Amino acid sequence: LKIYAREVAWREKAAATLLPGLKVYDMAIRDTIGLRQLPRIPEHLAVEIAECTSHHRDISLNF
C-alpha cells in the first residue's frame, strides 16, 4: 500500500508540474514530428516548404 501511495503521489506531482510544459511542447512539434508519415502535408507547412525551395538557382555550370 505504501508503494501505491508513492506512485500516486509522484504521478499527481508530475501531472501538476510537467503536464502543462509537455502540452506546450506537443503543440509546438505536432505538425513536424512524423511529417513523412502523413498522407498530406499541412497547408501552412507546404507553403513554407515551397517558398524555401522555390528560389532561382543558376545551374548552367552543371552542364
Protein backbone atom coordinates (compact mmCIF):
# COMPACT_ATOMS: atom_id res chain seq x y z
CA LEU A 1 0.00 0.00 0.00
CA LYS A 2 2.95 2.32 0.64
CA ILE A 3 4.25 1.74 -2.86
CA TYR A 4 0.85 2.57 -4.30
CA ALA A 5 0.70 5.80 -2.30
CA ARG A 6 4.17 6.80 -3.51
CA GLU A 7 3.23 6.04 -7.11
CA VAL A 8 0.07 8.12 -6.85
CA ALA A 9 1.96 10.98 -5.20
CA TRP A 10 4.67 11.29 -7.85
CA ARG A 11 2.16 10.92 -10.68
CA GLU A 12 -0.03 13.68 -9.25
CA LYS A 13 3.01 15.89 -8.77
CA ALA A 14 4.18 15.18 -12.32
CA ALA A 15 0.73 15.90 -13.71
CA ALA A 16 0.71 19.27 -11.97
CA THR A 17 4.26 20.31 -12.83
CA LEU A 18 5.22 18.56 -16.07
CA LEU A 19 1.98 18.21 -17.97
CA PRO A 20 1.50 21.89 -18.89
CA GLY A 21 5.00 22.06 -20.37
CA LEU A 22 4.53 18.80 -22.23
CA LYS A 23 1.28 20.07 -23.73
CA VAL A 24 3.03 23.22 -24.99
CA TYR A 25 5.85 21.11 -26.42
CA ASP A 26 3.37 18.78 -28.10
CA MET A 27 1.60 21.71 -29.75
CA ALA A 28 4.94 23.07 -30.97
CA ILE A 29 6.05 19.83 -32.64
CA ARG A 30 2.68 18.45 -33.65
CA ASP A 31 3.00 19.28 -37.35
CA THR A 32 6.65 18.37 -37.79
CA ILE A 33 7.21 15.07 -35.99
CA GLY A 34 6.21 12.23 -38.28
CA LEU A 35 5.67 14.58 -41.20
CA ARG A 36 6.75 11.98 -43.74
CA GLN A 37 4.13 9.54 -42.50
CA LEU A 38 1.28 11.99 -43.02
CA PRO A 39 -0.85 11.39 -46.12
CA ARG A 40 -0.78 15.15 -46.82
CA ILE A 41 1.48 17.94 -45.62
CA PRO A 42 -0.49 20.58 -43.71
CA GLU A 43 -1.05 23.62 -45.93
CA HIS A 44 0.83 26.10 -43.75
CA LEU A 45 3.92 23.87 -43.87
CA ALA A 46 3.58 23.21 -47.59
CA VAL A 47 3.61 26.95 -48.26
CA GLU A 48 6.76 27.39 -46.16
CA ILE A 49 8.50 24.49 -47.89
CA ALA A 50 7.54 25.73 -51.35
CA GLU A 51 8.80 29.23 -50.57
CA CYS A 52 12.03 27.83 -49.19
CA THR A 53 12.83 25.77 -52.28
CA SER A 54 11.36 27.99 -54.99
CA HIS A 55 14.31 30.35 -55.33
CA HIS A 56 16.04 30.53 -58.69
CA ARG A 57 19.40 28.80 -58.91
CA ASP A 58 21.79 29.07 -61.81
CA ILE A 59 22.59 25.50 -62.77
CA SER A 60 24.13 26.33 -66.15
CA LEU A 61 27.61 25.41 -64.92
CA ASN A 62 26.41 21.88 -64.23
CA PHE A 63 26.16 21.07 -67.96
